[in-house]
Amino acid sequence: MQRSASVSSVVKKTLKDWFYHRGHREELKSIFCFWLV
């Protein structure tokens, strides 16, 4: 239980860091277009 909670927090932190460093508007737009197609 505690392990999964720590894993989810690490995943959230990683995603937040990724979006902060690489989440440029154009890049996000291309990712959304890729998933919507």
N, C-alpha and C. Protein backbone atom coordinates (compact mmCIF):
# COMPACT_ATOMS: atom_id res chain seq x y z
N MET A 1 0.84 -1.20 0.00
CA MET A 1 0.00 0.00 0.00
C MET A 1 0.88 1.25 0.00
N GLN A 2 1.83 1.27 0.96
CA GLN A 2 2.68 2.45 1.04
C GLN A 2 3.61 2.53 -0.17
N ARG A 3 4.02 1.37 -0.67
CA ARG A 3 4.92 1.36 -1.81
C ARG A 3 4.22 1.95 -3.04
N SER A 4 2.98 1.54 -3.30
CA SER A 4 2.27 2.06 -4.46
C SER A 4 2.06 3.57 -4.33
N ALA A 5 1.83 4.04 -3.11
CA ALA A 5 1.64 5.47 -2.90
C ALA A 5 2.92 6.23 -3.25
N SER A 6 4.07 5.70 -2.82
CA SER A 6 5.33 6.37 -3.12
C SER A 6 5.62 6.32 -4.62
N VAL A 7 5.26 5.21 -5.26
CA VAL A 7 5.47 5.09 -6.70
C VAL A 7 4.64 6.12 -7.44
N SER A 8 3.37 6.26 -7.04
CA SER A 8 2.51 7.23 -7.72
C SER A 8 3.03 8.65 -7.53
N SER A 9 3.57 8.95 -6.35
CA SER A 9 4.10 10.29 -6.11
C SER A 9 5.34 10.53 -6.98
N VAL A 10 6.15 9.49 -7.15
CA VAL A 10 7.34 9.62 -8.00
C VAL A 10 6.92 9.83 -9.45
N VAL A 11 5.91 9.09 -9.88
CA VAL A 11 5.42 9.24 -11.25
C VAL A 11 4.87 10.64 -11.46
N LYS A 12 4.12 11.13 -10.50
CA LYS A 12 3.57 12.49 -10.63
C LYS A 12 4.69 13.52 -10.70
N LYS A 13 5.71 13.34 -9.86
CA LYS A 13 6.83 14.28 -9.87
C LYS A 13 7.56 14.24 -11.21
N THR A 14 7.75 13.02 -11.74
CA THR A 14 8.43 12.88 -13.03
C THR A 14 7.64 13.55 -14.13
N LEU A 15 6.33 13.33 -14.15
CA LEU A 15 5.49 13.95 -15.16
C LEU A 15 5.53 15.46 -15.03
N LYS A 16 5.48 15.95 -13.80
CA LYS A 16 5.50 17.39 -13.58
C LYS A 16 6.81 17.98 -14.08
N ASP A 17 7.93 17.31 -13.76
CA ASP A 17 9.23 17.79 -14.21
C ASP A 17 9.30 17.78 -15.73
N TRP A 18 8.76 16.70 -16.35
CA TRP A 18 8.81 16.59 -17.80
C TRP A 18 8.02 17.71 -18.45
N PHE A 19 6.81 17.95 -17.92
CA PHE A 19 5.99 19.01 -18.49
C PHE A 19 6.63 20.37 -18.24
N TYR A 20 7.29 20.53 -17.09
CA TYR A 20 7.91 21.81 -16.78
C TYR A 20 9.08 22.09 -17.72
N HIS A 21 9.90 21.07 -17.98
CA HIS A 21 11.10 21.27 -18.77
C HIS A 21 10.82 21.20 -20.27
N ARG A 22 9.93 20.27 -20.67
CA ARG A 22 9.75 20.02 -22.10
C ARG A 22 8.35 20.32 -22.58
N GLY A 23 7.46 20.74 -21.65
CA GLY A 23 6.07 20.93 -22.04
C GLY A 23 5.83 22.24 -22.75
N HIS A 24 6.54 22.47 -23.85
CA HIS A 24 6.30 23.67 -24.64
C HIS A 24 4.97 23.54 -25.37
N ARG A 25 4.36 24.66 -25.67
CA ARG A 25 3.02 24.66 -26.24
C ARG A 25 2.98 23.87 -27.55
N GLU A 26 3.94 24.07 -28.42
CA GLU A 26 3.94 23.36 -29.71
C GLU A 26 4.11 21.87 -29.50
N GLU A 27 4.96 21.51 -28.56
CA GLU A 27 5.21 20.09 -28.31
C GLU A 27 3.96 19.43 -27.76
N LEU A 28 3.29 20.09 -26.82
CA LEU A 28 2.05 19.55 -26.28
C LEU A 28 1.00 19.42 -27.37
N LYS A 29 0.94 20.42 -28.26
CA LYS A 29 -0.04 20.38 -29.34
C LYS A 29 0.20 19.18 -30.24
N SER A 30 1.46 18.93 -30.57
CA SER A 30 1.77 17.79 -31.44
C SER A 30 1.44 16.48 -30.75
N ILE A 31 1.68 16.40 -29.42
CA ILE A 31 1.35 15.18 -28.69
C ILE A 31 -0.16 14.97 -28.68
N PHE A 32 -0.92 16.03 -28.43
CA PHE A 32 -2.38 15.89 -28.42
C PHE A 32 -2.88 15.50 -29.80
N CYS A 33 -2.32 16.10 -30.84
CA CYS A 33 -2.74 15.74 -32.20
C CYS A 33 -2.42 14.28 -32.47
N PHE A 34 -1.27 13.83 -32.02
CA PHE A 34 -0.87 12.44 -32.23
C PHE A 34 -1.86 11.49 -31.58
N TRP A 35 -2.28 11.81 -30.34
CA TRP A 35 -3.19 10.91 -29.62
C TRP A 35 -4.61 11.01 -30.14
N LEU A 36 -4.98 12.18 -30.69
CA LEU A 36 -6.36 12.34 -31.15
C LEU A 36 -6.57 11.69 -32.51
N VAL A 37 -5.51 11.56 -33.29
CA VAL A 37 -5.65 10.98 -34.63
C VAL A 37 -5.93 9.49 -34.52
